């Protein structure tokens, strides 16, 4: 089920959401330490994590799907958020250096189509980061946060999905090991310890997978992934070697 954009906004304005945004943004910064002069594209609801790159990247755009809705972002112009179909983005091919997909893959009814579109707008040397809820985590079973909606993935499922769409997972990170309960916010000073211990001892139960993937570039691919039918060719019959033809004898002169 698609989460409404106002619910996403309200969550990330709440104390628990602000802690989540801070931790996920920190992990993203470690993957993209200096995107100076680059083009950054976000799909889904990426604005809590893209805001840290304002003033560094050359271009930033946040594309939000129609069923979710769109918020004006940032508050002051120029605004960089657009309502768009994530499978048909109004962008030229190979324009993006970095693509962030957050709160999009789990909500998509056609994840393969979304990933193909990400591959289309990403140039061959670019990198994509996917923030996806972990199905083995308590975060995926509690619908009071956005991570409890849609279809979560296990690490193996996510890796297979990415490879089928032409991506190769390069770096895996894990985040949100602290409990997803607002009533435990009084323990937030211990949350950094949860994160350190979780990444070291229990990475499989993190609330969110953060995977950076590169686009696989092949030497040649049929258009639209279709097979090209080659007609059956029959044998070619060569003529038998002919006998050498002797040059004709000169005509005889008639006797007078």
C-alpha atoms as a PDB file:
ATOM      1  CA  UNK A   1       0.000   0.000   0.000  1.00  0.00           C
ATOM      2  CA  UNK A   2       1.306   3.419  -0.995  1.00  0.00           C
ATOM      3  CA  UNK A   3       1.944   5.820   1.883  1.00  0.00           C
ATOM      4  CA  UNK A   4       0.545   9.325   1.439  1.00  0.00           C
ATOM      5  CA  UNK A   5       3.106  12.088   1.147  1.00  0.00           C
ATOM      6  CA  UNK A   6       1.680  13.913   4.179  1.00  0.00           C
ATOM      7  CA  UNK A   7       2.249  10.810   6.325  1.00  0.00           C
ATOM      8  CA  UNK A   8       5.858  10.663   5.153  1.00  0.00           C
ATOM      9  CA  UNK A   9       6.302  14.369   5.882  1.00  0.00           C
ATOM     10  CA  UNK A  10       4.783  14.064   9.355  1.00  0.00           C
ATOM     11  CA  UNK A  11       6.914  11.038  10.203  1.00  0.00           C
ATOM     12  CA  UNK A  12      10.174  12.771   9.320  1.00  0.00           C
ATOM     13  CA  UNK A  13       9.107  15.814  11.305  1.00  0.00           C
ATOM     14  CA  UNK A  14       8.509  13.667  14.405  1.00  0.00           C
ATOM     15  CA  UNK A  15      11.317  12.991  16.918  1.00  0.00           C
ATOM     16  CA  UNK A  16      11.629   9.356  15.784  1.00  0.00           C
ATOM     17  CA  UNK A  17      11.647  10.365  12.130  1.00  0.00           C
ATOM     18  CA  UNK A  18      14.325  12.977  12.693  1.00  0.00           C
ATOM     19  CA  UNK A  19      16.571  10.368  14.293  1.00  0.00           C
ATOM     20  CA  UNK A  20      15.971   8.045  11.325  1.00  0.00           C
ATOM     21  CA  UNK A  21      16.712  10.803   8.825  1.00  0.00           C
ATOM     22  CA  UNK A  22      19.908  11.717  10.646  1.00  0.00           C
ATOM     23  CA  UNK A  23      21.221   8.140  10.661  1.00  0.00           C
ATOM     24  CA  UNK A  24      20.254   7.365   7.063  1.00  0.00           C
ATOM     25  CA  UNK A  25      21.677  10.678   5.858  1.00  0.00           C
ATOM     26  CA  UNK A  26      24.943   9.940   7.629  1.00  0.00           C
ATOM     27  CA  UNK A  27      25.205   6.555   5.906  1.00  0.00           C
ATOM     28  CA  UNK A  28      24.455   8.135   2.531  1.00  0.00           C
ATOM     29  CA  UNK A  29      27.124  10.786   3.078  1.00  0.00           C
ATOM     30  CA  UNK A  30      29.698   8.051   3.664  1.00  0.00           C
ATOM     31  CA  UNK A  31      28.779   6.506   0.303  1.00  0.00           C
ATOM     32  CA  UNK A  32      28.692   9.860  -1.515  1.00  0.00           C
ATOM     33  CA  UNK A  33      31.282  11.956   0.343  1.00  0.00           C
ATOM     34  CA  UNK A  34      31.749  14.725  -2.225  1.00  0.00           C
ATOM     35  CA  UNK A  35      29.226  14.902  -5.110  1.00  0.00           C
ATOM     36  CA  UNK A  36      30.470  18.353  -6.110  1.00  0.00           C
ATOM     37  CA  UNK A  37      29.271  19.384  -9.552  1.00  0.00           C
ATOM     38  CA  UNK A  38      27.241  16.181  -9.983  1.00  0.00           C
ATOM     39  CA  UNK A  39      23.616  15.571 -10.946  1.00  0.00           C
ATOM     40  CA  UNK A  40      21.619  13.885  -8.160  1.00  0.00           C
ATOM     41  CA  UNK A  41      18.183  12.379  -8.772  1.00  0.00           C
ATOM     42  CA  UNK A  42      15.933  11.022  -6.032  1.00  0.00           C
ATOM     43  CA  UNK A  43      12.892   8.756  -6.453  1.00  0.00           C
ATOM     44  CA  UNK A  44      10.108   8.116  -3.969  1.00  0.00           C
ATOM     45  CA  UNK A  45      10.496  10.341  -0.913  1.00  0.00           C
ATOM     46  CA  UNK A  46      14.203  11.195  -0.937  1.00  0.00           C
ATOM     47  CA  UNK A  47      14.123  14.786   0.336  1.00  0.00           C
ATOM     48  CA  UNK A  48      15.124  14.106   3.983  1.00  0.00           C
ATOM     49  CA  UNK A  49      18.386  12.615   2.684  1.00  0.00           C
ATOM     50  CA  UNK A  50      19.111  14.799  -0.350  1.00  0.00           C
ATOM     51  CA  UNK A  51      18.893  18.071   1.578  1.00  0.00           C
ATOM     52  CA  UNK A  52      22.459  17.687   2.856  1.00  0.00           C
ATOM     53  CA  UNK A  53      23.803  17.960  -0.713  1.00  0.00           C
ATOM     54  CA  UNK A  54      22.189  21.303  -1.503  1.00  0.00           C
ATOM     55  CA  UNK A  55      24.902  23.747  -2.496  1.00  0.00           C
ATOM     56  CA  UNK A  56      27.299  20.955  -3.467  1.00  0.00           C
ATOM     57  CA  UNK A  57      25.656  19.162  -6.370  1.00  0.00           C
ATOM     58  CA  UNK A  58      25.213  20.944  -9.666  1.00  0.00           C
ATOM     59  CA  UNK A  59      21.633  19.698 -10.074  1.00  0.00           C
ATOM     60  CA  UNK A  60      19.248  17.965  -7.658  1.00  0.00           C
ATOM     61  CA  UNK A  61      15.780  16.671  -8.493  1.00  0.00           C
ATOM     62  CA  UNK A  62      13.235  14.781  -6.371  1.00  0.00           C
ATOM     63  CA  UNK A  63      10.660  12.796  -8.348  1.00  0.00           C
ATOM     64  CA  UNK A  64       7.677  11.560  -6.351  1.00  0.00           C
ATOM     65  CA  UNK A  65       5.107   9.052  -7.666  1.00  0.00           C
ATOM     66  CA  UNK A  66       1.521  10.045  -8.377  1.00  0.00           C
ATOM     67  CA  UNK A  67      -0.233   7.696  -5.890  1.00  0.00           C
ATOM     68  CA  UNK A  68       1.963   9.104  -3.122  1.00  0.00           C
ATOM     69  CA  UNK A  69       1.721  12.783  -4.008  1.00  0.00           C
ATOM     70  CA  UNK A  70       4.338  15.500  -4.023  1.00  0.00           C
ATOM     71  CA  UNK A  71       5.447  18.211  -1.609  1.00  0.00           C
ATOM     72  CA  UNK A  72       7.028  21.490  -2.601  1.00  0.00           C
ATOM     73  CA  UNK A  73      10.731  21.143  -1.837  1.00  0.00           C
ATOM     74  CA  UNK A  74      12.660  23.059  -0.774  1.00  0.00           C
ATOM     75  CA  UNK A  75      10.456  25.672   0.829  1.00  0.00           C
ATOM     76  CA  UNK A  76      12.127  28.523  -1.032  1.00  0.00           C
ATOM     77  CA  UNK A  77      12.522  28.605  -4.822  1.00  0.00           C
ATOM     78  CA  UNK A  78      13.907  27.243  -6.975  1.00  0.00           C
ATOM     79  CA  UNK A  79      11.770  24.198  -6.183  1.00  0.00           C
ATOM     80  CA  UNK A  80      13.237  20.818  -7.092  1.00  0.00           C
ATOM     81  CA  UNK A  81      10.382  18.352  -6.484  1.00  0.00           C
ATOM     82  CA  UNK A  82       8.246  16.963  -9.307  1.00  0.00           C
ATOM     83  CA  UNK A  83       5.242  14.653  -9.523  1.00  0.00           C
ATOM     84  CA  UNK A  84       6.115  11.943 -12.048  1.00  0.00           C
ATOM     85  CA  UNK A  85       5.602   8.337 -13.052  1.00  0.00           C
ATOM     86  CA  UNK A  86       8.704   6.538 -11.699  1.00  0.00           C
ATOM     87  CA  UNK A  87       8.632   4.233 -14.732  1.00  0.00           C
ATOM     88  CA  UNK A  88       8.538   7.125 -17.231  1.00  0.00           C
ATOM     89  CA  UNK A  89      10.629   9.956 -15.840  1.00  0.00           C
ATOM     90  CA  UNK A  90      10.723  13.210 -17.833  1.00  0.00           C
ATOM     91  CA  UNK A  91      14.503  13.012 -18.086  1.00  0.00           C
ATOM     92  CA  UNK A  92      16.924  12.241 -20.901  1.00  0.00           C
ATOM     93  CA  UNK A  93      18.882   9.025 -20.780  1.00  0.00           C
ATOM     94  CA  UNK A  94      22.215   8.865 -18.920  1.00  0.00           C
ATOM     95  CA  UNK A  95      21.793  12.256 -17.234  1.00  0.00           C
ATOM     96  CA  UNK A  96      22.354  11.304 -13.584  1.00  0.00           C
ATOM     97  CA  UNK A  97      25.633  10.781 -11.754  1.00  0.00           C
ATOM     98  CA  UNK A  98      23.863   9.556  -8.602  1.00  0.00           C
ATOM     99  CA  UNK A  99      20.351   8.199  -8.060  1.00  0.00           C
ATOM    100  CA  UNK A 100      18.758   7.666  -4.648  1.00  0.00           C
ATOM    101  CA  UNK A 101      15.695   5.410  -4.364  1.00  0.00           C
ATOM    102  CA  UNK A 102      13.968   5.762  -0.982  1.00  0.00           C
ATOM    103  CA  UNK A 103      10.422   4.672  -0.040  1.00  0.00           C
ATOM    104  CA  UNK A 104       9.883   3.696  -3.679  1.00  0.00           C
ATOM    105  CA  UNK A 105      10.944   0.117  -4.395  1.00  0.00           C
ATOM    106  CA  UNK A 106       8.780  -1.351  -1.614  1.00  0.00           C
ATOM    107  CA  UNK A 107       5.746   0.640  -2.777  1.00  0.00           C
ATOM    108  CA  UNK A 108       6.093  -0.064  -6.493  1.00  0.00           C
ATOM    109  CA  UNK A 109       3.685  -2.399  -8.243  1.00  0.00           C
ATOM    110  CA  UNK A 110       6.320  -2.942 -10.935  1.00  0.00           C
ATOM    111  CA  UNK A 111       9.767  -2.892  -9.299  1.00  0.00           C
ATOM    112  CA  UNK A 112      11.449  -4.197 -12.453  1.00  0.00           C
ATOM    113  CA  UNK A 113      10.048  -1.300 -14.462  1.00  0.00           C
ATOM    114  CA  UNK A 114      11.219   1.186 -11.850  1.00  0.00           C
ATOM    115  CA  UNK A 115      14.720  -0.291 -11.851  1.00  0.00           C
ATOM    116  CA  UNK A 116      14.894  -0.219 -15.637  1.00  0.00           C
ATOM    117  CA  UNK A 117      14.078   3.477 -15.540  1.00  0.00           C
ATOM    118  CA  UNK A 118      16.784   4.072 -12.944  1.00  0.00           C
ATOM    119  CA  UNK A 119      19.240   2.283 -15.221  1.00  0.00           C
ATOM    120  CA  UNK A 120      18.131   4.421 -18.169  1.00  0.00           C
ATOM    121  CA  UNK A 121      18.766   7.792 -16.505  1.00  0.00           C
ATOM    122  CA  UNK A 122      22.025   6.693 -14.846  1.00  0.00           C
ATOM    123  CA  UNK A 123      25.127   7.161 -16.927  1.00  0.00           C
ATOM    124  CA  UNK A 124      27.507   4.178 -17.218  1.00  0.00           C
ATOM    125  CA  UNK A 125      29.877   5.437 -14.523  1.00  0.00           C
ATOM    126  CA  UNK A 126      27.106   6.494 -12.147  1.00  0.00           C
ATOM    127  CA  UNK A 127      25.963   4.938  -8.906  1.00  0.00           C
ATOM    128  CA  UNK A 128      22.545   4.207  -7.447  1.00  0.00           C
ATOM    129  CA  UNK A 129      21.681   3.791  -3.769  1.00  0.00           C
ATOM    130  CA  UNK A 130      18.582   1.909  -2.662  1.00  0.00           C
ATOM    131  CA  UNK A 131      17.167   2.335   0.847  1.00  0.00           C
ATOM    132  CA  UNK A 132      14.867  -0.637   1.398  1.00  0.00           C
ATOM    133  CA  UNK A 133      13.095  -1.974   4.475  1.00  0.00           C
ATOM    134  CA  UNK A 134      14.435  -5.299   5.773  1.00  0.00           C
ATOM    135  CA  UNK A 135      11.664  -7.880   6.031  1.00  0.00           C
ATOM    136  CA  UNK A 136      13.403  -9.587   8.986  1.00  0.00           C
ATOM    137  CA  UNK A 137      13.355  -6.431  11.111  1.00  0.00           C
ATOM    138  CA  UNK A 138      10.673  -5.210  13.547  1.00  0.00           C
ATOM    139  CA  UNK A 139      10.562  -2.005  11.485  1.00  0.00           C
ATOM    140  CA  UNK A 140       8.866  -3.919   8.639  1.00  0.00           C
ATOM    141  CA  UNK A 141       6.098  -5.265  10.892  1.00  0.00           C
ATOM    142  CA  UNK A 142       4.989  -1.991  12.508  1.00  0.00           C
ATOM    143  CA  UNK A 143       2.859   0.247  10.314  1.00  0.00           C
ATOM    144  CA  UNK A 144       3.350   3.351  12.463  1.00  0.00           C
ATOM    145  CA  UNK A 145       6.456   4.126  10.361  1.00  0.00           C
ATOM    146  CA  UNK A 146       6.817   4.246   6.544  1.00  0.00           C
ATOM    147  CA  UNK A 147       9.063   1.183   6.662  1.00  0.00           C
ATOM    148  CA  UNK A 148       6.089  -0.965   7.702  1.00  0.00           C
ATOM    149  CA  UNK A 149       4.235  -0.392   4.418  1.00  0.00           C
ATOM    150  CA  UNK A 150       4.643  -1.976   1.034  1.00  0.00           C
ATOM    151  CA  UNK A 151       6.798  -5.001   0.329  1.00  0.00           C
ATOM    152  CA  UNK A 152      10.017  -5.330   2.358  1.00  0.00           C
ATOM    153  CA  UNK A 153      12.895  -7.463   1.095  1.00  0.00           C
ATOM    154  CA  UNK A 154      15.482  -9.804   2.500  1.00  0.00           C
ATOM    155  CA  UNK A 155      19.080  -9.194   1.474  1.00  0.00           C
ATOM    156  CA  UNK A 156      19.037 -12.120  -0.938  1.00  0.00           C
ATOM    157  CA  UNK A 157      15.763 -11.021  -2.552  1.00  0.00           C
ATOM    158  CA  UNK A 158      17.037  -7.482  -3.009  1.00  0.00           C
ATOM    159  CA  UNK A 159      20.321  -8.643  -4.534  1.00  0.00           C
ATOM    160  CA  UNK A 160      18.513 -10.909  -7.022  1.00  0.00           C
ATOM    161  CA  UNK A 161      16.088  -8.156  -7.977  1.00  0.00           C
ATOM    162  CA  UNK A 162      18.905  -5.711  -8.650  1.00  0.00           C
ATOM    163  CA  UNK A 163      20.911  -8.186 -10.716  1.00  0.00           C
ATOM    164  CA  UNK A 164      17.885  -9.101 -12.804  1.00  0.00           C
ATOM    165  CA  UNK A 165      17.488  -5.406 -13.640  1.00  0.00           C
ATOM    166  CA  UNK A 166      21.111  -5.010 -14.719  1.00  0.00           C
ATOM    167  CA  UNK A 167      22.672  -3.729 -11.492  1.00  0.00           C
ATOM    168  CA  UNK A 168      25.543  -5.162  -9.510  1.00  0.00           C
ATOM    169  CA  UNK A 169      25.402  -4.537  -5.730  1.00  0.00           C
ATOM    170  CA  UNK A 170      28.773  -3.112  -4.643  1.00  0.00           C
ATOM    171  CA  UNK A 171      28.429  -1.897  -1.057  1.00  0.00           C
ATOM    172  CA  UNK A 172      25.983  -2.961   1.649  1.00  0.00           C
ATOM    173  CA  UNK A 173      25.232  -0.916   4.731  1.00  0.00           C
ATOM    174  CA  UNK A 174      22.805  -1.512   7.560  1.00  0.00           C
ATOM    175  CA  UNK A 175      20.948   1.049   9.637  1.00  0.00           C
ATOM    176  CA  UNK A 176      18.185   1.461  12.240  1.00  0.00           C
ATOM    177  CA  UNK A 177      18.981  -1.151  14.843  1.00  0.00           C
ATOM    178  CA  UNK A 178      17.305   0.799  17.628  1.00  0.00           C
ATOM    179  CA  UNK A 179      13.679  -0.147  18.398  1.00  0.00           C
ATOM    180  CA  UNK A 180      10.961   1.576  16.311  1.00  0.00           C
ATOM    181  CA  UNK A 181       8.847   2.590  19.296  1.00  0.00           C
ATOM    182  CA  UNK A 182       8.126   6.218  20.093  1.00  0.00           C
ATOM    183  CA  UNK A 183       7.673   5.470  23.763  1.00  0.00           C
ATOM    184  CA  UNK A 184      11.340   4.435  23.946  1.00  0.00           C
ATOM    185  CA  UNK A 185      12.621   7.780  22.691  1.00  0.00           C
ATOM    186  CA  UNK A 186      13.754   8.558  26.215  1.00  0.00           C
ATOM    187  CA  UNK A 187      16.521   6.035  25.482  1.00  0.00           C
ATOM    188  CA  UNK A 188      17.701   7.830  22.352  1.00  0.00           C
ATOM    189  CA  UNK A 189      21.057   8.690  23.889  1.00  0.00           C
ATOM    190  CA  UNK A 190      21.783   4.948  23.659  1.00  0.00           C
ATOM    191  CA  UNK A 191      20.744   4.659  19.995  1.00  0.00           C
ATOM    192  CA  UNK A 192      24.289   5.252  18.639  1.00  0.00           C
ATOM    193  CA  UNK A 193      25.415   2.257  20.712  1.00  0.00           C
ATOM    194  CA  UNK A 194      22.605   0.161  19.190  1.00  0.00           C
ATOM    195  CA  UNK A 195      23.853   1.126  15.732  1.00  0.00           C
ATOM    196  CA  UNK A 196      27.491   0.256  16.402  1.00  0.00           C
ATOM    197  CA  UNK A 197      26.715  -3.054  18.063  1.00  0.00           C
ATOM    198  CA  UNK A 198      24.127  -4.009  15.471  1.00  0.00           C
ATOM    199  CA  UNK A 199      26.422  -3.379  12.509  1.00  0.00           C
ATOM    200  CA  UNK A 200      29.094  -5.467  14.162  1.00  0.00           C
ATOM    201  CA  UNK A 201      27.138  -8.422  15.533  1.00  0.00           C
ATOM    202  CA  UNK A 202      23.609  -8.514  14.025  1.00  0.00           C
ATOM    203  CA  UNK A 203      23.636  -6.881  10.582  1.00  0.00           C
ATOM    204  CA  UNK A 204      20.854  -9.165   9.356  1.00  0.00           C
ATOM    205  CA  UNK A 205      18.222  -7.558  11.604  1.00  0.00           C
ATOM    206  CA  UNK A 206      18.775  -3.931  10.662  1.00  0.00           C
ATOM    207  CA  UNK A 207      15.654  -1.941   9.900  1.00  0.00           C
ATOM    208  CA  UNK A 208      16.914  -0.762   6.525  1.00  0.00           C
ATOM    209  CA  UNK A 209      19.304  -2.034   3.877  1.00  0.00           C
ATOM    210  CA  UNK A 210      21.325   0.653   2.133  1.00  0.00           C
ATOM    211  CA  UNK A 211      22.894  -0.841  -0.954  1.00  0.00           C
ATOM    212  CA  UNK A 212      24.980   0.980  -3.520  1.00  0.00           C
ATOM    213  CA  UNK A 213      24.873  -0.579  -6.978  1.00  0.00           C
ATOM    214  CA  UNK A 214      26.543   0.100 -10.291  1.00  0.00           C
ATOM    215  CA  UNK A 215      24.911  -0.302 -13.681  1.00  0.00           C
ATOM    216  CA  UNK A 216      26.168  -3.241 -15.704  1.00  0.00           C
ATOM    217  CA  UNK A 217      27.179  -2.151 -19.194  1.00  0.00           C
ATOM    218  CA  UNK A 218      27.194  -4.789 -21.887  1.00  0.00           C
ATOM    219  CA  UNK A 219      28.907  -4.625 -25.251  1.00  0.00           C
ATOM    220  CA  UNK A 220      25.675  -5.020 -27.174  1.00  0.00           C
ATOM    221  CA  UNK A 221      22.040  -5.628 -26.281  1.00  0.00           C
ATOM    222  CA  UNK A 222      18.986  -6.103 -28.508  1.00  0.00           C
ATOM    223  CA  UNK A 223      16.623  -3.148 -28.375  1.00  0.00           C
ATOM    224  CA  UNK A 224      14.047  -3.350 -25.571  1.00  0.00           C
ATOM    225  CA  UNK A 225      15.517  -6.659 -24.486  1.00  0.00           C
ATOM    226  CA  UNK A 226      13.950  -8.529 -27.421  1.00  0.00           C
ATOM    227  CA  UNK A 227      15.597 -11.422 -29.140  1.00  0.00           C
ATOM    228  CA  UNK A 228      16.530 -10.985 -32.750  1.00  0.00           C
ATOM    229  CA  UNK A 229      15.361 -13.857 -34.929  1.00  0.00           C
ATOM    230  CA  UNK A 230      17.957 -15.003 -37.424  1.00  0.00           C
ATOM    231  CA  UNK A 231      16.409 -16.766 -40.451  1.00  0.00           C
ATOM    232  CA  UNK A 232      17.493 -20.315 -41.151  1.00  0.00           C
ATOM    233  CA  UNK A 233      19.923 -20.411 -44.003  1.00  0.00           C
ATOM    234  CA  UNK A 234      20.044 -23.357 -46.366  1.00  0.00           C
ATOM    235  CA  UNK A 235      23.211 -24.762 -47.899  1.00  0.00           C
ATOM    236  CA  UNK A 236      24.805 -22.826 -50.699  1.00  0.00           C
ATOM    237  CA  UNK A 237      25.459 -25.007 -53.736  1.00  0.00           C
ATOM    238  CA  UNK A 238      28.631 -24.137 -55.548  1.00  0.00           C
ATOM    239  CA  UNK A 239      28.983 -25.013 -59.251  1.00  0.00           C
ATOM    240  CA  UNK A 240      31.294 -27.826 -60.160  1.00  0.00           C
ATOM    241  CA  UNK A 241      34.681 -26.755 -61.458  1.00  0.00           C
ATOM    242  CA  UNK A 242      34.373 -26.320 -65.211  1.00  0.00           C
ATOM    243  CA  UNK A 243      36.876 -27.643 -67.726  1.00  0.00           C
ATOM    244  CA  UNK A 244      39.367 -25.143 -69.030  1.00  0.00           C
ATOM    245  CA  UNK A 245      38.262 -23.646 -72.300  1.00  0.00           C
ATOM    246  CA  UNK A 246      40.933 -23.589 -74.944  1.00  0.00           C
ATOM    247  CA  UNK A 247      41.238 -20.486 -77.017  1.00  0.00           C
ATOM    248  CA  UNK A 248      39.556 -20.900 -80.396  1.00  0.00           C
ATOM    249  CA  UNK A 249      41.723 -21.768 -83.389  1.00  0.00           C
ATOM    250  CA  UNK A 250      42.161 -18.972 -85.881  1.00  0.00           C
ATOM    251  CA  UNK A 251      39.937 -19.307 -88.949  1.00  0.00           C
ATOM    252  CA  UNK A 252      41.487 -21.022 -91.957  1.00  0.00           C
ATOM    253  CA  UNK A 253      42.040 -19.020 -95.065  1.00  0.00           C
ATOM    254  CA  UNK A 254      40.159 -20.297 -98.056  1.00  0.00           C
ATOM    255  CA  UNK A 255      42.312 -21.686-100.950  1.00  0.00           C
ATOM    256  CA  UNK A 256      42.273 -19.658-104.099  1.00  0.00           C
END
